[in-house]
N, C-alpha and C. Protein backbone atom coordinates (compact mmCIF):
# COMPACT_ATOMS: atom_id res chain seq x y z
N MET A 1 170.86 27.02 71.98
CA MET A 1 171.15 28.44 72.03
C MET A 1 170.65 29.15 70.77
N MET A 2 170.76 28.46 69.66
CA MET A 2 170.33 29.05 68.40
C MET A 2 168.82 29.30 68.41
N GLU A 3 168.07 28.46 69.12
CA GLU A 3 166.62 28.63 69.21
C GLU A 3 166.27 29.95 69.90
N VAL A 4 167.04 30.32 70.90
CA VAL A 4 166.80 31.57 71.63
C VAL A 4 166.96 32.75 70.68
N PHE A 5 168.01 32.73 69.84
CA PHE A 5 168.23 33.81 68.91
C PHE A 5 167.13 33.87 67.85
N GLU A 6 166.64 32.72 67.43
CA GLU A 6 165.55 32.70 66.46
C GLU A 6 164.28 33.29 67.07
N ASP A 7 164.01 32.98 68.33
CA ASP A 7 162.84 33.54 69.01
C ASP A 7 162.96 35.06 69.11
N ILE A 8 164.13 35.54 69.47
CA ILE A 8 164.35 36.98 69.59
C ILE A 8 164.19 37.64 68.22
N ALA A 9 164.72 37.01 67.19
CA ALA A 9 164.61 37.56 65.85
C ALA A 9 163.15 37.65 65.42
N GLN A 10 162.35 36.66 65.76
CA GLN A 10 160.94 36.69 65.41
C GLN A 10 160.20 37.78 66.17
N GLU A 11 160.55 37.97 67.42
CA GLU A 11 159.90 38.99 68.24
C GLU A 11 160.23 40.40 67.77
N THR A 12 161.41 40.59 67.22
CA THR A 12 161.83 41.93 66.79
C THR A 12 161.67 42.14 65.29
N ALA A 13 161.06 41.20 64.60
CA ALA A 13 160.85 41.36 63.16
C ALA A 13 159.95 42.56 62.91
N PRO A 14 160.19 43.28 61.82
CA PRO A 14 159.35 44.44 61.52
C PRO A 14 157.88 44.03 61.37
N VAL A 15 157.01 44.86 61.92
CA VAL A 15 155.58 44.61 61.86
C VAL A 15 154.97 45.57 60.85
N ASP A 16 154.05 45.06 60.04
CA ASP A 16 153.37 45.92 59.09
C ASP A 16 152.42 46.83 59.86
N GLU A 17 152.75 48.12 59.93
CA GLU A 17 151.97 49.07 60.72
C GLU A 17 151.06 49.93 59.86
N THR A 18 150.65 49.46 58.71
CA THR A 18 149.74 50.24 57.89
C THR A 18 148.37 50.29 58.57
N ASP A 19 147.81 51.45 58.60
CA ASP A 19 146.51 51.65 59.24
C ASP A 19 145.42 51.29 58.24
N SER A 20 144.68 50.25 58.54
CA SER A 20 143.67 49.77 57.60
C SER A 20 142.26 50.19 58.00
N ARG A 21 142.14 51.11 58.97
CA ARG A 21 140.80 51.56 59.37
C ARG A 21 140.15 52.35 58.24
N LYS A 22 138.83 52.25 58.15
CA LYS A 22 138.09 52.98 57.12
C LYS A 22 138.14 54.47 57.42
N ARG A 23 138.27 55.25 56.35
CA ARG A 23 138.30 56.71 56.47
C ARG A 23 137.06 57.28 55.82
N TYR A 24 136.58 58.39 56.38
CA TYR A 24 135.37 59.02 55.90
C TYR A 24 135.68 60.46 55.50
N LYS A 25 135.09 60.89 54.39
CA LYS A 25 135.34 62.22 53.86
C LYS A 25 134.71 63.28 54.75
N GLY A 26 135.41 64.38 54.90
CA GLY A 26 134.92 65.56 55.60
C GLY A 26 135.51 66.79 54.93
N ILE A 27 134.74 67.86 54.86
CA ILE A 27 135.21 69.11 54.25
C ILE A 27 135.34 70.16 55.35
N CYS A 28 136.52 70.76 55.46
CA CYS A 28 136.73 71.80 56.45
C CYS A 28 135.82 72.99 56.13
N PRO A 29 135.00 73.43 57.09
CA PRO A 29 134.11 74.56 56.83
C PRO A 29 134.83 75.90 56.77
N VAL A 30 136.09 75.93 57.17
CA VAL A 30 136.85 77.18 57.17
C VAL A 30 137.61 77.38 55.87
N CYS A 31 138.39 76.37 55.47
CA CYS A 31 139.23 76.53 54.27
C CYS A 31 138.79 75.67 53.10
N GLY A 32 137.87 74.73 53.31
CA GLY A 32 137.37 73.89 52.22
C GLY A 32 138.23 72.69 51.89
N LYS A 33 139.26 72.44 52.68
CA LYS A 33 140.13 71.28 52.41
C LYS A 33 139.36 69.98 52.61
N GLU A 34 139.57 69.05 51.72
CA GLU A 34 138.95 67.72 51.81
C GLU A 34 139.82 66.86 52.71
N LEU A 35 139.22 66.34 53.78
CA LEU A 35 139.93 65.52 54.75
C LEU A 35 139.36 64.11 54.75
N TYR A 36 140.17 63.13 55.07
CA TYR A 36 139.71 61.75 55.22
C TYR A 36 140.01 61.33 56.65
N ILE A 37 138.95 61.01 57.40
CA ILE A 37 139.02 60.90 58.85
C ILE A 37 138.54 59.53 59.31
N CYS A 38 139.27 58.92 60.22
CA CYS A 38 138.82 57.69 60.88
C CYS A 38 137.85 58.06 61.99
N LYS A 39 136.99 57.12 62.35
CA LYS A 39 136.09 57.35 63.48
C LYS A 39 136.92 57.45 64.76
N SER A 40 136.47 58.30 65.66
CA SER A 40 137.14 58.43 66.96
C SER A 40 136.81 57.22 67.83
N LEU A 41 137.55 57.06 68.91
CA LEU A 41 137.26 55.97 69.84
C LEU A 41 135.85 56.10 70.39
N ALA A 42 135.42 57.33 70.68
CA ALA A 42 134.05 57.54 71.17
C ALA A 42 133.03 57.07 70.13
N MET A 43 133.27 57.37 68.86
CA MET A 43 132.36 56.96 67.80
C MET A 43 132.28 55.44 67.70
N LEU A 44 133.40 54.79 67.91
CA LEU A 44 133.43 53.32 67.82
C LEU A 44 132.62 52.65 68.92
N ILE A 45 132.44 53.34 70.05
CA ILE A 45 131.65 52.75 71.13
C ILE A 45 130.23 53.34 71.19
N GLY A 46 129.87 54.16 70.18
CA GLY A 46 128.50 54.63 70.07
C GLY A 46 128.23 56.07 70.46
N ILE A 47 129.25 56.83 70.81
CA ILE A 47 129.07 58.24 71.14
C ILE A 47 129.53 59.05 69.93
N ASN A 48 128.59 59.68 69.24
CA ASN A 48 128.89 60.31 67.96
C ASN A 48 129.53 61.69 68.14
N THR A 49 130.79 61.69 68.54
CA THR A 49 131.52 62.95 68.69
C THR A 49 133.01 62.70 68.54
N GLY A 50 133.70 63.69 68.04
CA GLY A 50 135.15 63.64 67.90
C GLY A 50 135.67 65.03 67.65
N HIS A 51 136.97 65.19 67.65
CA HIS A 51 137.56 66.49 67.36
C HIS A 51 138.97 66.29 66.81
N GLY A 52 139.45 67.31 66.15
CA GLY A 52 140.78 67.29 65.58
C GLY A 52 141.02 68.59 64.84
N SER A 53 142.19 68.72 64.26
CA SER A 53 142.56 69.94 63.56
C SER A 53 142.61 69.71 62.06
N CYS A 54 142.21 70.73 61.30
CA CYS A 54 142.29 70.67 59.84
C CYS A 54 143.76 70.65 59.43
N LEU A 55 144.09 69.82 58.47
CA LEU A 55 145.47 69.74 58.00
C LEU A 55 145.84 70.94 57.14
N GLY A 56 144.83 71.67 56.65
CA GLY A 56 145.09 72.85 55.82
C GLY A 56 145.28 74.11 56.63
N CYS A 57 144.22 74.51 57.34
CA CYS A 57 144.24 75.80 58.05
C CYS A 57 144.51 75.67 59.54
N LYS A 58 144.59 74.45 60.06
CA LYS A 58 144.87 74.16 61.48
C LYS A 58 143.72 74.53 62.41
N GLU A 59 142.53 74.83 61.86
CA GLU A 59 141.36 75.13 62.70
C GLU A 59 141.00 73.89 63.52
N PHE A 60 140.67 74.09 64.80
CA PHE A 60 140.26 72.99 65.66
C PHE A 60 138.79 72.72 65.38
N LEU A 61 138.44 71.48 65.03
CA LEU A 61 137.11 71.14 64.54
C LEU A 61 136.42 70.12 65.43
N HIS A 62 135.11 70.24 65.50
CA HIS A 62 134.25 69.23 66.10
C HIS A 62 133.74 68.36 64.95
N MET A 63 133.68 67.04 65.15
CA MET A 63 133.28 66.11 64.10
C MET A 63 132.16 65.21 64.58
N GLU A 64 131.19 65.00 63.70
CA GLU A 64 130.12 64.03 63.95
C GLU A 64 129.97 63.18 62.70
N PHE A 65 129.78 61.89 62.89
CA PHE A 65 129.61 60.98 61.76
C PHE A 65 128.18 61.04 61.26
N ASN A 66 128.02 61.28 59.95
CA ASN A 66 126.70 61.30 59.32
C ASN A 66 126.45 59.91 58.73
N GLU A 67 125.60 59.17 59.38
CA GLU A 67 125.33 57.77 59.01
C GLU A 67 124.73 57.66 57.61
N GLN A 68 123.84 58.59 57.23
CA GLN A 68 123.18 58.52 55.92
C GLN A 68 124.15 58.73 54.77
N ARG A 69 125.01 59.75 54.91
CA ARG A 69 125.97 60.06 53.83
C ARG A 69 127.28 59.29 53.95
N GLN A 70 127.49 58.63 55.11
CA GLN A 70 128.76 57.95 55.38
C GLN A 70 129.93 58.93 55.24
N GLU A 71 129.76 60.12 55.82
CA GLU A 71 130.78 61.17 55.83
C GLU A 71 130.82 61.82 57.21
N MET A 72 131.84 62.61 57.44
CA MET A 72 131.96 63.36 58.69
C MET A 72 131.41 64.77 58.47
N ASP A 73 130.58 65.21 59.41
CA ASP A 73 130.13 66.59 59.44
C ASP A 73 131.08 67.35 60.35
N LEU A 74 131.66 68.43 59.84
CA LEU A 74 132.66 69.19 60.57
C LEU A 74 132.16 70.60 60.84
N GLU A 75 132.53 71.14 62.00
CA GLU A 75 132.25 72.54 62.31
C GLU A 75 133.35 73.04 63.24
N PRO A 76 133.65 74.35 63.18
CA PRO A 76 134.66 74.88 64.10
C PRO A 76 134.24 74.59 65.54
N PHE A 77 135.20 74.22 66.37
CA PHE A 77 134.90 73.80 67.72
C PHE A 77 134.22 74.90 68.52
N ASP A 78 134.62 76.16 68.33
CA ASP A 78 134.00 77.25 69.08
C ASP A 78 132.52 77.41 68.70
N LYS A 79 132.16 77.16 67.45
CA LYS A 79 130.75 77.20 67.03
C LYS A 79 129.97 76.06 67.69
N TYR A 80 130.59 74.90 67.79
CA TYR A 80 129.98 73.75 68.47
C TYR A 80 129.69 74.09 69.93
N VAL A 81 130.66 74.70 70.62
CA VAL A 81 130.49 75.06 72.02
C VAL A 81 129.34 76.06 72.16
N GLU A 82 129.28 77.06 71.27
CA GLU A 82 128.19 78.04 71.29
C GLU A 82 126.84 77.36 71.09
N ARG A 83 126.77 76.45 70.15
CA ARG A 83 125.52 75.74 69.84
C ARG A 83 125.06 74.91 71.04
N GLU A 84 125.98 74.20 71.65
CA GLU A 84 125.63 73.39 72.81
C GLU A 84 125.21 74.26 73.99
N GLN A 85 125.88 75.41 74.17
CA GLN A 85 125.51 76.30 75.27
C GLN A 85 124.13 76.90 75.03
N ALA A 86 123.80 77.22 73.77
CA ALA A 86 122.47 77.73 73.44
C ALA A 86 121.39 76.70 73.78
N LYS A 87 121.68 75.41 73.51
CA LYS A 87 120.74 74.35 73.87
C LYS A 87 120.52 74.31 75.38
N ARG A 88 121.60 74.41 76.12
CA ARG A 88 121.51 74.36 77.58
C ARG A 88 120.76 75.58 78.13
N ASP A 89 121.01 76.75 77.54
CA ASP A 89 120.31 77.96 77.98
C ASP A 89 118.81 77.85 77.71
N ALA A 90 118.44 77.37 76.53
CA ALA A 90 117.02 77.21 76.19
C ALA A 90 116.38 76.17 77.11
N ASP A 91 117.11 75.15 77.43
CA ASP A 91 116.62 74.10 78.32
C ASP A 91 116.39 74.66 79.73
N ALA A 92 117.29 75.52 80.19
CA ALA A 92 117.15 76.12 81.52
C ALA A 92 115.91 77.00 81.57
N VAL A 93 115.64 77.74 80.49
CA VAL A 93 114.44 78.57 80.43
C VAL A 93 113.19 77.69 80.47
N ALA A 94 113.18 76.62 79.69
CA ALA A 94 112.03 75.71 79.67
C ALA A 94 111.81 75.10 81.04
N GLU A 95 112.89 74.74 81.71
CA GLU A 95 112.77 74.15 83.05
C GLU A 95 112.22 75.16 84.04
N SER A 96 112.65 76.42 83.92
CA SER A 96 112.16 77.44 84.85
C SER A 96 110.68 77.73 84.64
N LEU A 97 110.16 77.43 83.43
CA LEU A 97 108.74 77.61 83.13
C LEU A 97 107.92 76.36 83.45
N GLY A 98 108.59 75.33 83.98
CA GLY A 98 107.90 74.12 84.39
C GLY A 98 107.76 73.07 83.31
N TYR A 99 108.52 73.19 82.24
CA TYR A 99 108.44 72.21 81.16
C TYR A 99 109.48 71.10 81.27
N GLY A 100 110.11 70.98 82.40
CA GLY A 100 111.15 69.97 82.55
C GLY A 100 112.44 70.45 81.92
N GLY A 101 113.36 69.57 81.78
CA GLY A 101 114.64 69.96 81.19
C GLY A 101 115.33 68.77 80.59
N PHE A 102 115.74 68.91 79.37
CA PHE A 102 116.41 67.81 78.67
C PHE A 102 117.78 67.54 79.26
N PHE A 103 118.53 68.61 79.59
CA PHE A 103 119.89 68.45 80.09
C PHE A 103 119.96 68.49 81.61
N LYS A 104 118.85 68.39 82.27
CA LYS A 104 118.77 68.54 83.72
C LYS A 104 119.77 67.65 84.47
N ASP A 105 119.82 66.37 84.13
CA ASP A 105 120.70 65.43 84.83
C ASP A 105 122.03 65.22 84.13
N ASP A 106 122.35 66.04 83.14
CA ASP A 106 123.53 65.85 82.31
C ASP A 106 124.78 66.45 82.93
N GLU A 107 124.65 67.29 83.92
CA GLU A 107 125.82 68.00 84.44
C GLU A 107 126.41 67.33 85.63
């Protein structure tokens, strides 16, 4: 019977939950706060994109990992959406002129 209690005690023992993932520096483009950010799950599987909020000003940010600097590049999420939409608009114009389309099969 004592063995059962020992097993239960081992299963419920406190676990060290310190997060040991590497963090990368990023500067909020809105308030200038220095943030230290882990890679997103998408980044870990090879898709260089992530998002989150600044701890200073609470701005919602788009994040991309800069491999050369080993830092996160941050921009306000609404600016990211505008930039991506501009790419799609330019691509649609190029496609209508017969130059093909980069984002043609992306939707």
